[in-house]
Amino acid sequence: TDVRANITEARTVGDHVEISGHKWFMSAPMCDAFLVLAQGEAG
């Protein structure tokens, strides 16, 4: 529940980011896209 403790990171690459890390619960895996939280340059 403490998502502010997330360690997944987003690195800016041009007009997008590349995210490295994990999610312990992600539903549903056959969706076409996912809203995810990751640590960016400003948090």
PDB file of all heavy atoms in Angstrom:
ATOM      1  N   THR A   1       0.811  -1.212   0.000  1.00  0.00           N
ATOM      2  CA  THR A   1       0.000   0.000   0.000  1.00  0.00           C
ATOM      3  C   THR A   1       0.849   1.269   0.000  1.00  0.00           C
ATOM      4  O   THR A   1       0.440   2.300  -0.546  1.00  0.00           O
ATOM      5  CB  THR A   1      -0.924  -0.003   1.237  1.00  0.00           C
ATOM      6  OG1 THR A   1      -1.799  -1.128   1.141  1.00  0.00           O
ATOM      7  CG2 THR A   1      -1.753   1.267   1.312  1.00  0.00           C
ATOM      8  N   ASP A   2       2.029   1.211   0.586  1.00  0.00           N
ATOM      9  CA  ASP A   2       2.909   2.382   0.662  1.00  0.00           C
ATOM     10  C   ASP A   2       3.616   2.573  -0.677  1.00  0.00           C
ATOM     11  O   ASP A   2       4.807   2.288  -0.833  1.00  0.00           O
ATOM     12  CB  ASP A   2       3.921   2.197   1.792  1.00  0.00           C
ATOM     13  CG  ASP A   2       4.799   3.434   2.019  1.00  0.00           C
ATOM     14  OD1 ASP A   2       4.517   4.472   1.374  1.00  0.00           O
ATOM     15  OD2 ASP A   2       5.746   3.350   2.796  1.00  0.00           O
ATOM     16  N   VAL A   3       2.891   3.098  -1.660  1.00  0.00           N
ATOM     17  CA  VAL A   3       3.449   3.208  -3.008  1.00  0.00           C
ATOM     18  C   VAL A   3       4.567   4.240  -3.084  1.00  0.00           C
ATOM     19  O   VAL A   3       5.381   4.213  -4.019  1.00  0.00           O
ATOM     20  CB  VAL A   3       2.348   3.532  -4.042  1.00  0.00           C
ATOM     21  CG1 VAL A   3       1.364   2.384  -4.150  1.00  0.00           C
ATOM     22  CG2 VAL A   3       1.641   4.837  -3.709  1.00  0.00           C
ATOM     23  N   ARG A   4       4.634   5.152  -2.119  1.00  0.00           N
ATOM     24  CA  ARG A   4       5.738   6.120  -2.145  1.00  0.00           C
ATOM     25  C   ARG A   4       7.072   5.440  -1.864  1.00  0.00           C
ATOM     26  O   ARG A   4       8.133   6.024  -2.105  1.00  0.00           O
ATOM     27  CB  ARG A   4       5.475   7.247  -1.135  1.00  0.00           C
ATOM     28  CG  ARG A   4       4.248   8.077  -1.509  1.00  0.00           C
ATOM     29  CD  ARG A   4       4.102   9.319  -0.651  1.00  0.00           C
ATOM     30  NE  ARG A   4       2.828   9.981  -0.898  1.00  0.00           N
ATOM     31  CZ  ARG A   4       2.592  10.804  -1.910  1.00  0.00           C
ATOM     32  NH1 ARG A   4       3.551  11.043  -2.787  1.00  0.00           N
ATOM     33  NH2 ARG A   4       1.401  11.366  -2.048  1.00  0.00           N
ATOM     34  N   ALA A   5       7.034   4.205  -1.372  1.00  0.00           N
ATOM     35  CA  ALA A   5       8.249   3.430  -1.156  1.00  0.00           C
ATOM     36  C   ALA A   5       8.662   2.651  -2.406  1.00  0.00           C
ATOM     37  O   ALA A   5       9.618   1.869  -2.354  1.00  0.00           O
ATOM     38  CB  ALA A   5       8.055   2.472   0.018  1.00  0.00           C
ATOM     39  N   ASN A   6       7.963   2.849  -3.516  1.00  0.00           N
ATOM     40  CA  ASN A   6       8.287   2.124  -4.745  1.00  0.00           C
ATOM     41  C   ASN A   6       9.732   2.374  -5.175  1.00  0.00           C
ATOM     42  O   ASN A   6      10.255   3.492  -5.041  1.00  0.00           O
ATOM     43  CB  ASN A   6       7.347   2.549  -5.875  1.00  0.00           C
ATOM     44  CG  ASN A   6       5.963   1.928  -5.760  1.00  0.00           C
ATOM     45  OD1 ASN A   6       5.657   1.258  -4.766  1.00  0.00           O
ATOM     46  ND2 ASN A   6       5.122   2.153  -6.756  1.00  0.00           N
ATOM     47  N   ILE A   7      10.354   1.337  -5.732  1.00  0.00           N
ATOM     48  CA  ILE A   7      11.742   1.447  -6.191  1.00  0.00           C
ATOM     49  C   ILE A   7      11.866   1.363  -7.701  1.00  0.00           C
ATOM     50  O   ILE A   7      12.954   1.539  -8.251  1.00  0.00           O
ATOM     51  CB  ILE A   7      12.618   0.369  -5.525  1.00  0.00           C
ATOM     52  CG1 ILE A   7      12.092  -1.040  -5.840  1.00  0.00           C
ATOM     53  CG2 ILE A   7      12.676   0.597  -4.012  1.00  0.00           C
ATOM     54  CD1 ILE A   7      12.972  -2.163  -5.274  1.00  0.00           C
ATOM     55  N   THR A   8      10.772   1.087  -8.410  1.00  0.00           N
ATOM     56  CA  THR A   8      10.792   1.067  -9.873  1.00  0.00           C
ATOM     57  C   THR A   8      11.135   2.459 -10.399  1.00  0.00           C
ATOM     58  O   THR A   8      10.608   3.461  -9.925  1.00  0.00           O
ATOM     59  CB  THR A   8       9.434   0.598 -10.412  1.00  0.00           C
ATOM     60  OG1 THR A   8       9.234  -0.769 -10.026  1.00  0.00           O
ATOM     61  CG2 THR A   8       9.359   0.693 -11.926  1.00  0.00           C
ATOM     62  N   GLU A   9      12.026   2.526 -11.383  1.00  0.00           N
ATOM     63  CA  GLU A   9      12.544   3.802 -11.856  1.00  0.00           C
ATOM     64  C   GLU A   9      12.206   4.043 -13.323  1.00  0.00           C
ATOM     65  O   GLU A   9      12.153   3.109 -14.136  1.00  0.00           O
ATOM     66  CB  GLU A   9      14.059   3.861 -11.676  1.00  0.00           C
ATOM     67  CG  GLU A   9      14.501   3.828 -10.219  1.00  0.00           C
ATOM     68  CD  GLU A   9      16.006   3.949 -10.069  1.00  0.00           C
ATOM     69  OE1 GLU A   9      16.729   3.741 -11.079  1.00  0.00           O
ATOM     70  OE2 GLU A   9      16.470   4.257  -8.951  1.00  0.00           O
ATOM     71  N   ALA A  10      11.985   5.324 -13.657  1.00  0.00           N
ATOM     72  CA  ALA A  10      11.741   5.761 -15.034  1.00  0.00           C
ATOM     73  C   ALA A  10      12.894   6.662 -15.474  1.00  0.00           C
ATOM     74  O   ALA A  10      13.231   7.625 -14.783  1.00  0.00           O
ATOM     75  CB  ALA A  10      10.421   6.510 -15.120  1.00  0.00           C
ATOM     76  N   ARG A  11      13.467   6.364 -16.637  1.00  0.00           N
ATOM     77  CA  ARG A  11      14.577   7.153 -17.173  1.00  0.00           C
ATOM     78  C   ARG A  11      14.128   7.820 -18.467  1.00  0.00           C
ATOM     79  O   ARG A  11      13.634   7.153 -19.377  1.00  0.00           O
ATOM     80  CB  ARG A  11      15.780   6.241 -17.440  1.00  0.00           C
ATOM     81  CG  ARG A  11      17.023   6.962 -17.965  1.00  0.00           C
ATOM     82  CD  ARG A  11      18.193   5.995 -18.036  1.00  0.00           C
ATOM     83  NE  ARG A  11      17.931   4.924 -18.990  1.00  0.00           N
ATOM     84  CZ  ARG A  11      18.266   4.990 -20.287  1.00  0.00           C
ATOM     85  NH1 ARG A  11      18.829   6.074 -20.798  1.00  0.00           N
ATOM     86  NH2 ARG A  11      18.010   3.960 -21.079  1.00  0.00           N
ATOM     87  N   THR A  12      14.295   9.125 -18.537  1.00  0.00           N
ATOM     88  CA  THR A  12      13.864   9.869 -19.726  1.00  0.00           C
ATOM     89  C   THR A  12      14.750   9.534 -20.918  1.00  0.00           C
ATOM     90  O   THR A  12      15.987   9.576 -20.834  1.00  0.00           O
ATOM     91  CB  THR A  12      13.908  11.379 -19.458  1.00  0.00           C
ATOM     92  OG1 THR A  12      13.044  11.683 -18.354  1.00  0.00           O
ATOM     93  CG2 THR A  12      13.451  12.155 -20.688  1.00  0.00           C
ATOM     94  N   VAL A  13      14.103   9.210 -22.023  1.00  0.00           N
ATOM     95  CA  VAL A  13      14.793   8.913 -23.278  1.00  0.00           C
ATOM     96  C   VAL A  13      14.035   9.648 -24.383  1.00  0.00           C
ATOM     97  O   VAL A  13      13.013   9.160 -24.885  1.00  0.00           O
ATOM     98  CB  VAL A  13      14.835   7.406 -23.576  1.00  0.00           C
ATOM     99  CG1 VAL A  13      15.585   7.144 -24.885  1.00  0.00           C
ATOM    100  CG2 VAL A  13      15.472   6.637 -22.439  1.00  0.00           C
ATOM    101  N   GLY A  14      14.494  10.842 -24.741  1.00  0.00           N
ATOM    102  CA  GLY A  14      13.808  11.610 -25.775  1.00  0.00           C
ATOM    103  C   GLY A  14      12.425  12.037 -25.320  1.00  0.00           C
ATOM    104  O   GLY A  14      12.264  12.672 -24.279  1.00  0.00           O
ATOM    105  N   ASP A  15      11.398  11.637 -26.095  1.00  0.00           N
ATOM    106  CA  ASP A  15      10.029  12.068 -25.806  1.00  0.00           C
ATOM    107  C   ASP A  15       9.258  11.068 -24.949  1.00  0.00           C
ATOM    108  O   ASP A  15       8.043  11.176 -24.813  1.00  0.00           O
ATOM    109  CB  ASP A  15       9.276  12.310 -27.115  1.00  0.00           C
ATOM    110  CG  ASP A  15       9.153  11.039 -27.945  1.00  0.00           C
ATOM    111  OD1 ASP A  15       9.777  10.007 -27.590  1.00  0.00           O
ATOM    112  OD2 ASP A  15       8.433  11.074 -28.966  1.00  0.00           O
ATOM    113  N   HIS A  16       9.958  10.111 -24.375  1.00  0.00           N
ATOM    114  CA  HIS A  16       9.294   9.105 -23.544  1.00  0.00           C
ATOM    115  C   HIS A  16      10.220   8.703 -22.399  1.00  0.00           C
ATOM    116  O   HIS A  16      11.284   9.312 -22.222  1.00  0.00           O
ATOM    117  CB  HIS A  16       8.913   7.889 -24.389  1.00  0.00           C
ATOM    118  CG  HIS A  16      10.100   7.138 -24.924  1.00  0.00           C
ATOM    119  ND1 HIS A  16      10.817   7.548 -26.031  1.00  0.00           N
ATOM    120  CD2 HIS A  16      10.703   5.989 -24.497  1.00  0.00           C
ATOM    121  CE1 HIS A  16      11.815   6.710 -26.274  1.00  0.00           C
ATOM    122  NE2 HIS A  16      11.766   5.756 -25.359  1.00  0.00           N
ATOM    123  N   VAL A  17       9.805   7.715 -21.632  1.00  0.00           N
ATOM    124  CA  VAL A  17      10.672   7.158 -20.600  1.00  0.00           C
ATOM    125  C   VAL A  17      10.810   5.666 -20.817  1.00  0.00           C
ATOM    126  O   VAL A  17       9.993   5.036 -21.507  1.00  0.00           O
ATOM    127  CB  VAL A  17      10.132   7.426 -19.173  1.00  0.00           C
ATOM    128  CG1 VAL A  17      10.011   8.923 -18.898  1.00  0.00           C
ATOM    129  CG2 VAL A  17       8.806   6.707 -18.935  1.00  0.00           C
ATOM    130  N   GLU A  18      11.858   5.113 -20.210  1.00  0.00           N
ATOM    131  CA  GLU A  18      12.017   3.664 -20.149  1.00  0.00           C
ATOM    132  C   GLU A  18      12.023   3.269 -18.678  1.00  0.00           C
ATOM    133  O   GLU A  18      12.776   3.833 -17.878  1.00  0.00           O
ATOM    134  CB  GLU A  18      13.290   3.221 -20.865  1.00  0.00           C
ATOM    135  CG  GLU A  18      13.188   3.422 -22.370  1.00  0.00           C
ATOM    136  CD  GLU A  18      14.412   2.892 -23.126  1.00  0.00           C
ATOM    137  OE1 GLU A  18      15.429   2.575 -22.454  1.00  0.00           O
ATOM    138  OE2 GLU A  18      14.331   2.790 -24.356  1.00  0.00           O
ATOM    139  N   ILE A  19      11.160   2.327 -18.335  1.00  0.00           N
ATOM    140  CA  ILE A  19      10.933   1.961 -16.934  1.00  0.00           C
ATOM    141  C   ILE A  19      11.557   0.602 -16.656  1.00  0.00           C
ATOM    142  O   ILE A  19      11.363  -0.360 -17.414  1.00  0.00           O
ATOM    143  CB  ILE A  19       9.425   1.942 -16.624  1.00  0.00           C
ATOM    144  CG1 ILE A  19       8.856   3.362 -16.767  1.00  0.00           C
ATOM    145  CG2 ILE A  19       9.165   1.398 -15.222  1.00  0.00           C
ATOM    146  CD1 ILE A  19       7.368   3.462 -16.499  1.00  0.00           C
ATOM    147  N   SER A  20      12.288   0.550 -15.549  1.00  0.00           N
ATOM    148  CA  SER A  20      12.883  -0.715 -15.099  1.00  0.00           C
ATOM    149  C   SER A  20      12.493  -0.947 -13.646  1.00  0.00           C
ATOM    150  O   SER A  20      12.577  -0.033 -12.813  1.00  0.00           O
ATOM    151  CB  SER A  20      14.413  -0.662 -15.234  1.00  0.00           C
ATOM    152  OG  SER A  20      14.791  -0.537 -16.594  1.00  0.00           O
ATOM    153  N   GLY A  21      12.050  -2.149 -13.358  1.00  0.00           N
ATOM    154  CA  GLY A  21      11.613  -2.476 -12.001  1.00  0.00           C
ATOM    155  C   GLY A  21      10.618  -3.609 -12.019  1.00  0.00           C
ATOM    156  O   GLY A  21      10.722  -4.529 -12.836  1.00  0.00           O
ATOM    157  N   HIS A  22       9.611  -3.519 -11.152  1.00  0.00           N
ATOM    158  CA  HIS A  22       8.648  -4.618 -11.059  1.00  0.00           C
ATOM    159  C   HIS A  22       7.337  -4.118 -10.461  1.00  0.00           C
ATOM    160  O   HIS A  22       7.268  -3.016  -9.901  1.00  0.00           O
ATOM    161  CB  HIS A  22       9.201  -5.741 -10.179  1.00  0.00           C
ATOM    162  CG  HIS A  22       9.053  -5.462  -8.701  1.00  0.00           C
ATOM    163  ND1 HIS A  22       9.883  -4.605  -8.006  1.00  0.00           N
ATOM    164  CD2 HIS A  22       8.137  -5.902  -7.776  1.00  0.00           C
ATOM    165  CE1 HIS A  22       9.511  -4.532  -6.745  1.00  0.00           C
ATOM    166  NE2 HIS A  22       8.442  -5.307  -6.572  1.00  0.00           N
ATOM    167  N   LYS A  23       6.315  -4.958 -10.545  1.00  0.00           N
ATOM    168  CA  LYS A  23       5.063  -4.791  -9.813  1.00  0.00           C
ATOM    169  C   LYS A  23       4.684  -6.161  -9.250  1.00  0.00           C
ATOM    170  O   LYS A  23       4.739  -7.174  -9.953  1.00  0.00           O
ATOM    171  CB  LYS A  23       3.938  -4.245 -10.698  1.00  0.00           C
ATOM    172  CG  LYS A  23       4.189  -2.827 -11.209  1.00  0.00           C
ATOM    173  CD  LYS A  23       4.293  -1.820 -10.097  1.00  0.00           C
ATOM    174  CE  LYS A  23       4.808  -0.476 -10.594  1.00  0.00           C
ATOM    175  NZ  LYS A  23       5.096   0.462  -9.491  1.00  0.00           N
ATOM    176  N   TRP A  24       4.277  -6.152  -8.001  1.00  0.00           N
ATOM    177  CA  TRP A  24       3.922  -7.393  -7.316  1.00  0.00           C
ATOM    178  C   TRP A  24       2.499  -7.817  -7.661  1.00  0.00           C
ATOM    179  O   TRP A  24       2.180  -8.993  -7.684  1.00  0.00           O
ATOM    180  CB  TRP A  24       4.092  -7.187  -5.821  1.00  0.00           C
ATOM    181  CG  TRP A  24       3.928  -8.389  -4.955  1.00  0.00           C
ATOM    182  CD1 TRP A  24       3.056  -8.533  -3.913  1.00  0.00           C
ATOM    183  CD2 TRP A  24       4.661  -9.618  -5.007  1.00  0.00           C
ATOM    184  NE1 TRP A  24       3.192  -9.762  -3.318  1.00  0.00           N
ATOM    185  CE2 TRP A  24       4.177 -10.461  -3.971  1.00  0.00           C
ATOM    186  CE3 TRP A  24       5.686 -10.102  -5.832  1.00  0.00           C
ATOM    187  CZ2 TRP A  24       4.674 -11.737  -3.741  1.00  0.00           C
ATOM    188  CZ3 TRP A  24       6.177 -11.377  -5.605  1.00  0.00           C
ATOM    189  CH2 TRP A  24       5.672 -12.183  -4.576  1.00  0.00           C
ATOM    190  N   PHE A  25       1.629  -6.860  -7.916  1.00  0.00           N
ATOM    191  CA  PHE A  25       0.270  -7.126  -8.407  1.00  0.00           C
ATOM    192  C   PHE A  25       0.033  -6.237  -9.611  1.00  0.00           C
ATOM    193  O   PHE A  25       0.055  -5.005  -9.485  1.00  0.00           O
ATOM    194  CB  PHE A  25      -0.789  -6.801  -7.334  1.00  0.00           C
ATOM    195  CG  PHE A  25      -1.059  -7.926  -6.375  1.00  0.00           C
ATOM    196  CD1 PHE A  25      -0.343  -8.025  -5.198  1.00  0.00           C
ATOM    197  CD2 PHE A  25      -2.026  -8.876  -6.648  1.00  0.00           C
ATOM    198  CE1 PHE A  25      -0.579  -9.054  -4.306  1.00  0.00           C
ATOM    199  CE2 PHE A  25      -2.273  -9.909  -5.757  1.00  0.00           C
ATOM    200  CZ  PHE A  25      -1.551 -10.002  -4.579  1.00  0.00           C
ATOM    201  N   MET A  26      -0.212  -6.840 -10.764  1.00  0.00           N
ATOM    202  CA  MET A  26      -0.617  -6.050 -11.924  1.00  0.00           C
ATOM    203  C   MET A  26      -1.739  -6.797 -12.643  1.00  0.00           C
ATOM    204  O   MET A  26      -1.587  -7.947 -13.034  1.00  0.00           O
ATOM    205  CB  MET A  26       0.528  -5.757 -12.888  1.00  0.00           C
ATOM    206  CG  MET A  26       0.147  -4.670 -13.890  1.00  0.00           C
ATOM    207  SD  MET A  26       1.544  -3.878 -14.704  1.00  0.00           S
ATOM    208  CE  MET A  26       1.840  -5.030 -16.031  1.00  0.00           C
ATOM    209  N   SER A  27      -2.848  -6.118 -12.771  1.00  0.00           N
ATOM    210  CA  SER A  27      -4.022  -6.716 -13.414  1.00  0.00           C
ATOM    211  C   SER A  27      -4.447  -5.808 -14.562  1.00  0.00           C
ATOM    212  O   SER A  27      -4.333  -4.587 -14.471  1.00  0.00           O
ATOM    213  CB  SER A  27      -5.173  -6.848 -12.412  1.00  0.00           C
ATOM    214  OG  SER A  27      -4.847  -7.728 -11.344  1.00  0.00           O
ATOM    215  N   ALA A  28      -4.993  -6.339 -15.583  1.00  0.00           N
ATOM    216  CA  ALA A  28      -4.961  -7.733 -15.956  1.00  0.00           C
ATOM    217  C   ALA A  28      -3.917  -7.850 -17.068  1.00  0.00           C
ATOM    218  O   ALA A  28      -3.881  -7.004 -17.960  1.00  0.00           O
ATOM    219  CB  ALA A  28      -6.332  -8.177 -16.457  1.00  0.00           C
ATOM    220  N   PRO A  29      -3.059  -8.858 -17.049  1.00  0.00           N
ATOM    221  CA  PRO A  29      -1.855  -8.848 -17.892  1.00  0.00           C
ATOM    222  C   PRO A  29      -2.088  -8.850 -19.396  1.00  0.00           C
ATOM    223  O   PRO A  29      -1.169  -8.510 -20.139  1.00  0.00           O
ATOM    224  CB  PRO A  29      -1.115 -10.116 -17.450  1.00  0.00           C
ATOM    225  CG  PRO A  29      -2.148 -10.963 -16.785  1.00  0.00           C
ATOM    226  CD  PRO A  29      -3.103 -10.027 -16.159  1.00  0.00           C
ATOM    227  N   MET A  30      -3.280  -9.201 -19.869  1.00  0.00           N
ATOM    228  CA  MET A  30      -3.509  -9.157 -21.321  1.00  0.00           C
ATOM    229  C   MET A  30      -4.129  -7.840 -21.776  1.00  0.00           C
ATOM    230  O   MET A  30      -4.547  -7.699 -22.923  1.00  0.00           O
ATOM    231  CB  MET A  30      -4.380 -10.331 -21.759  1.00  0.00           C
ATOM    232  CG  MET A  30      -3.617 -11.652 -21.809  1.00  0.00           C
ATOM    233  SD  MET A  30      -2.049 -11.580 -22.711  1.00  0.00           S
ATOM    234  CE  MET A  30      -2.639 -11.289 -24.376  1.00  0.00           C
ATOM    235  N   CYS A  31      -4.185  -6.848 -20.871  1.00  0.00           N
ATOM    236  CA  CYS A  31      -4.627  -5.526 -21.294  1.00  0.00           C
ATOM    237  C   CYS A  31      -3.639  -4.937 -22.297  1.00  0.00           C
ATOM    238  O   CYS A  31      -2.482  -5.350 -22.385  1.00  0.00           O
ATOM    239  CB  CYS A  31      -4.771  -4.599 -20.091  1.00  0.00           C
ATOM    240  SG  CYS A  31      -6.208  -4.964 -19.055  1.00  0.00           S
ATOM    241  N   ASP A  32      -4.087  -3.930 -23.025  1.00  0.00           N
ATOM    242  CA  ASP A  32      -3.258  -3.346 -24.079  1.00  0.00           C
ATOM    243  C   ASP A  32      -2.320  -2.264 -23.567  1.00  0.00           C
ATOM    244  O   ASP A  32      -1.374  -1.883 -24.260  1.00  0.00           O
ATOM    245  CB  ASP A  32      -4.168  -2.775 -25.171  1.00  0.00           C
ATOM    246  CG  ASP A  32      -4.998  -3.867 -25.814  1.00  0.00           C
ATOM    247  OD1 ASP A  32      -4.432  -4.632 -26.613  1.00  0.00           O
ATOM    248  OD2 ASP A  32      -6.192  -3.982 -25.490  1.00  0.00           O
ATOM    249  N   ALA A  33      -2.567  -1.765 -22.375  1.00  0.00           N
ATOM    250  CA  ALA A  33      -1.680  -0.793 -21.744  1.00  0.00           C
ATOM    251  C   ALA A  33      -1.985  -0.761 -20.259  1.00  0.00           C
ATOM    252  O   ALA A  33      -3.058  -1.220 -19.809  1.00  0.00           O
ATOM    253  CB  ALA A  33      -1.853   0.593 -22.362  1.00  0.00           C
ATOM    254  N   PHE A  34      -1.045  -0.186 -19.495  1.00  0.00           N
ATOM    255  CA  PHE A  34      -1.171  -0.166 -18.039  1.00  0.00           C
ATOM    256  C   PHE A  34      -0.772   1.198 -17.508  1.00  0.00           C
ATOM    257  O   PHE A  34       0.234   1.775 -17.947  1.00  0.00           O
ATOM    258  CB  PHE A  34      -0.270  -1.238 -17.406  1.00  0.00           C
ATOM    259  CG  PHE A  34      -0.505  -2.612 -17.947  1.00  0.00           C
ATOM    260  CD1 PHE A  34       0.166  -3.059 -19.083  1.00  0.00           C
ATOM    261  CD2 PHE A  34      -1.420  -3.466 -17.350  1.00  0.00           C
ATOM    262  CE1 PHE A  34      -0.048  -4.320 -19.600  1.00  0.00           C
ATOM    263  CE2 PHE A  34      -1.645  -4.739 -17.858  1.00  0.00           C
ATOM    264  CZ  PHE A  34      -0.967  -5.166 -18.990  1.00  0.00           C
ATOM    265  N   LEU A  35      -1.553   1.701 -16.565  1.00  0.00           N
ATOM    266  CA  LEU A  35      -1.131   2.866 -15.809  1.00  0.00           C
ATOM    267  C   LEU A  35      -0.280   2.371 -14.651  1.00  0.00           C
ATOM    268  O   LEU A  35      -0.735   1.552 -13.839  1.00  0.00           O
ATOM    269  CB  LEU A  35      -2.346   3.641 -15.294  1.00  0.00           C
ATOM    270  CG  LEU A  35      -3.050   4.489 -16.360  1.00  0.00           C
ATOM    271  CD1 LEU A  35      -4.450   4.852 -15.915  1.00  0.00           C
ATOM    272  CD2 LEU A  35      -2.248   5.749 -16.661  1.00  0.00           C
ATOM    273  N   VAL A  36       0.973   2.844 -14.598  1.00  0.00           N
ATOM    274  CA  VAL A  36       1.910   2.372 -13.586  1.00  0.00           C
ATOM    275  C   VAL A  36       2.544   3.559 -12.870  1.00  0.00           C
ATOM    276  O   VAL A  36       2.601   4.673 -13.413  1.00  0.00           O
ATOM    277  CB  VAL A  36       3.015   1.471 -14.192  1.00  0.00           C
ATOM    278  CG1 VAL A  36       2.416   0.262 -14.888  1.00  0.00           C
ATOM    279  CG2 VAL A  36       3.881   2.259 -15.153  1.00  0.00           C
ATOM    280  N   LEU A  37       3.008   3.301 -11.665  1.00  0.00           N
ATOM    281  CA  LEU A  37       3.734   4.300 -10.895  1.00  0.00           C
ATOM    282  C   LEU A  37       5.217   3.938 -10.876  1.00  0.00           C
ATOM    283  O   LEU A  37       5.577   2.775 -10.660  1.00  0.00           O
ATOM    284  CB  LEU A  37       3.211   4.369  -9.461  1.00  0.00           C
ATOM    285  CG  LEU A  37       1.776   4.868  -9.273  1.00  0.00           C
ATOM    286  CD1 LEU A  37       1.386   4.797  -7.806  1.00  0.00           C
ATOM    287  CD2 LEU A  37       1.618   6.289  -9.800  1.00  0.00           C
ATOM    288  N   ALA A  38       6.071   4.931 -11.096  1.00  0.00           N
ATOM    289  CA  ALA A  38       7.513   4.734 -11.043  1.00  0.00           C
ATOM    290  C   ALA A  38       8.174   6.023 -10.573  1.00  0.00           C
ATOM    291  O   ALA A  38       7.603   7.108 -10.686  1.00  0.00           O
ATOM    292  CB  ALA A  38       8.056   4.323 -12.416  1.00  0.00           C
ATOM    293  N   GLN A  39       9.379   5.895 -10.051  1.00  0.00           N
ATOM    294  CA  GLN A  39      10.123   7.058  -9.583  1.00  0.00           C
ATOM    295  C   GLN A  39      10.752   7.778 -10.770  1.00  0.00           C
ATOM    296  O   GLN A  39      11.636   7.254 -11.428  1.00  0.00           O
ATOM    297  CB  GLN A  39      11.221   6.625  -8.593  1.00  0.00           C
ATOM    298  CG  GLN A  39      10.709   5.926  -7.340  1.00  0.00           C
ATOM    299  CD  GLN A  39       9.956   6.865  -6.389  1.00  0.00           C
ATOM    300  OE1 GLN A  39       9.939   8.086  -6.590  1.00  0.00           O
ATOM    301  NE2 GLN A  39       9.341   6.298  -5.359  1.00  0.00           N
ATOM    302  N   GLY A  40      10.245   8.989 -11.054  1.00  0.00           N
ATOM    303  CA  GLY A  40      10.811   9.813 -12.107  1.00  0.00           C
ATOM    304  C   GLY A  40      11.801  10.814 -11.542  1.00  0.00           C
ATOM    305  O   GLY A  40      12.199  10.736 -10.364  1.00  0.00           O
ATOM    306  N   GLU A  41      12.191  11.784 -12.349  1.00  0.00           N
ATOM    307  CA  GLU A  41      13.192  12.754 -11.924  1.00  0.00           C
ATOM    308  C   GLU A  41      12.714  13.599 -10.749  1.00  0.00           C
ATOM    309  O   GLU A  41      13.515  14.029  -9.913  1.00  0.00           O
ATOM    310  CB  GLU A  41      13.562  13.660 -13.099  1.00  0.00           C
ATOM    311  CG  GLU A  41      14.245  12.911 -14.240  1.00  0.00           C
ATOM    312  CD  GLU A  41      14.487  13.790 -15.449  1.00  0.00           C
ATOM    313  OE1 GLU A  41      14.115  14.985 -15.391  1.00  0.00           O
ATOM    314  OE2 GLU A  41      15.052  13.294 -16.438  1.00  0.00           O
ATOM    315  N   ALA A  42      11.408  13.841 -10.647  1.00  0.00           N
ATOM    316  CA  ALA A  42      10.859  14.675  -9.571  1.00  0.00           C
ATOM    317  C   ALA A  42      10.073  13.866  -8.555  1.00  0.00           C
ATOM    318  O   ALA A  42       9.298  14.416  -7.783  1.00  0.00           O
ATOM    319  CB  ALA A  42       9.975  15.773 -10.166  1.00  0.00           C
ATOM    320  N   GLY A  43      10.262  12.549  -8.547  1.00  0.00           N
ATOM    321  CA  GLY A  43       9.555  11.704  -7.589  1.00  0.00           C
ATOM    322  C   GLY A  43       8.566  10.774  -8.263  1.00  0.00           C
ATOM    323  O   GLY A  43       8.605  10.560  -9.492  1.00  0.00           O
TER     324      GLY A  43
END
